[in-house]
Protein backbone atom coordinates (compact mmCIF):
# COMPACT_ATOMS: atom_id res chain seq x y z
CA MET A 1 -110.50 35.65 -120.58
CA ALA A 2 -107.67 33.11 -120.53
CA VAL A 3 -105.59 32.57 -117.43
CA SER A 4 -101.94 33.34 -118.08
CA ASP A 5 -99.20 30.83 -117.34
CA ALA A 6 -97.77 33.25 -114.78
CA ALA A 7 -101.05 33.27 -112.87
CA LEU A 8 -100.98 29.47 -112.67
CA LEU A 9 -97.60 29.64 -110.93
CA LEU A 10 -98.76 32.00 -108.19
CA VAL A 11 -98.80 30.53 -104.72
CA ARG A 12 -101.23 32.18 -102.39
CA GLU A 13 -100.37 31.94 -98.73
CA THR A 14 -102.49 32.93 -95.79
CA LEU A 15 -101.18 35.55 -93.40
CA GLY A 16 -100.62 32.77 -90.85
CA GLU A 17 -98.47 30.85 -93.35
CA GLN A 18 -96.46 33.99 -94.12
CA ILE A 19 -95.89 34.64 -90.41
CA ALA A 20 -94.89 31.00 -89.89
CA ALA A 21 -92.40 31.24 -92.77
CA THR A 22 -90.83 34.37 -91.27
CA LEU A 23 -90.60 32.85 -87.80
CA ARG A 24 -89.25 29.58 -89.22
CA HIS A 25 -86.53 31.54 -91.03
CA ASP A 26 -85.72 33.48 -87.84
CA ILE A 27 -85.41 30.22 -85.88
CA VAL A 28 -83.26 28.44 -88.47
CA SER A 29 -81.00 31.48 -88.92
CA GLY A 30 -80.55 31.85 -85.16
CA ARG A 31 -82.26 35.23 -84.89
CA ILE A 32 -84.71 33.53 -82.52
CA LYS A 33 -82.79 31.22 -80.19
CA ALA A 34 -83.62 27.80 -78.75
CA GLY A 35 -85.54 28.26 -75.51
CA ASP A 36 -86.93 31.67 -76.47
CA THR A 37 -90.62 32.13 -75.70
CA LEU A 38 -92.79 33.64 -78.41
CA LEU A 39 -95.61 35.74 -76.99
CA GLN A 40 -98.74 36.21 -79.07
CA ASP A 41 -99.17 39.88 -78.15
CA SER A 42 -95.59 40.70 -79.17
CA LEU A 43 -95.99 38.83 -82.45
CA CYS A 44 -99.29 40.62 -83.15
CA GLU A 45 -97.46 43.92 -82.75
CA ARG A 46 -94.49 42.79 -84.85
CA PHE A 47 -96.68 41.65 -87.74
CA ALA A 48 -99.39 44.29 -87.23
CA THR A 49 -102.15 41.72 -87.20
CA SER A 50 -104.76 40.10 -84.98
CA ARG A 51 -104.28 37.01 -82.84
CA MET A 52 -105.80 34.49 -85.27
CA PRO A 53 -103.03 34.54 -87.94
CA VAL A 54 -100.38 34.54 -85.20
CA ARG A 55 -102.09 31.61 -83.47
CA ASP A 56 -102.28 29.75 -86.80
CA ALA A 57 -98.56 30.35 -87.38
CA LEU A 58 -97.65 29.10 -83.91
CA HIS A 59 -99.75 25.97 -84.32
CA GLU A 60 -98.10 25.30 -87.69
CA LEU A 61 -94.62 25.62 -86.17
CA VAL A 62 -95.57 23.40 -83.22
CA HIS A 63 -96.84 20.81 -85.70
CA GLU A 64 -93.56 21.03 -87.65
CA GLY A 65 -91.52 20.61 -84.46
CA PHE A 66 -89.96 24.08 -84.30
CA LEU A 67 -91.98 25.11 -81.24
CA GLU A 68 -93.53 23.44 -78.22
CA TRP A 69 -96.28 24.59 -75.88
CA THR A 70 -95.27 25.33 -72.29
CA ARG A 71 -97.42 24.76 -69.23
CA LYS A 72 -98.38 28.45 -69.39
CA ASN A 73 -99.68 27.85 -72.94
CA GLN A 74 -96.84 29.83 -74.47
CA ALA A 75 -94.82 28.80 -77.50
CA ARG A 76 -91.15 28.03 -76.86
CA VAL A 77 -88.48 27.36 -79.49
CA VAL A 78 -87.27 23.76 -79.42
CA GLU A 79 -83.54 23.06 -79.30
CA PHE A 80 -82.28 21.11 -82.30
CA THR A 81 -79.22 18.89 -82.25
CA ASN A 82 -76.98 18.45 -85.29
CA ASP A 83 -78.53 14.99 -85.75
CA ASP A 84 -82.02 16.52 -85.78
CA ILE A 85 -81.00 18.95 -88.51
CA ALA A 86 -79.31 16.20 -90.55
CA ASP A 87 -82.45 14.07 -90.25
CA MET A 88 -84.64 16.94 -91.46
CA PHE A 89 -82.45 17.51 -94.53
CA GLU A 90 -82.42 13.78 -95.28
CA MET A 91 -86.21 13.54 -95.04
CA GLN A 92 -86.62 16.65 -97.20
CA GLY A 93 -84.30 15.10 -99.80
CA HIS A 94 -86.30 11.87 -99.90
CA LEU A 95 -89.58 13.74 -100.12
CA SER A 96 -88.34 16.07 -102.87
CA GLY A 97 -86.99 13.13 -104.87
CA ARG A 98 -90.27 11.28 -104.61
CA LEU A 99 -92.26 14.35 -105.65
CA VAL A 100 -90.03 14.93 -108.68
CA ARG A 101 -90.36 11.27 -109.66
CA ARG A 102 -94.17 11.44 -109.45
CA ALA A 103 -94.28 14.68 -111.42
CA THR A 104 -92.13 13.30 -114.23
CA GLU A 105 -94.20 10.11 -114.39
CA ARG A 106 -97.37 12.16 -114.80
CA ALA A 107 -95.92 14.64 -117.29
């Protein structure tokens, strides 16, 4: 049985990655504000899941710089300045350009 082209384009994300994407969107859009604390129990309820995917999502967002751990081991939303946001877009632009260049060279 041959794999269809559509199947090759599917991107499978873990539940933790999906939760991280939702929280990232909520932070960037302002639905979750800088300084807000994200509690694991509340997020487990919101996403109707266990702690592990929520913990994975929080760790991902800490690694990306959207969250930081407090002394009470809670995740808090980091405040971004306009310069921080401009830097992120600039880095994303450089990375995207490099990836496109590599893809076209290998095509």
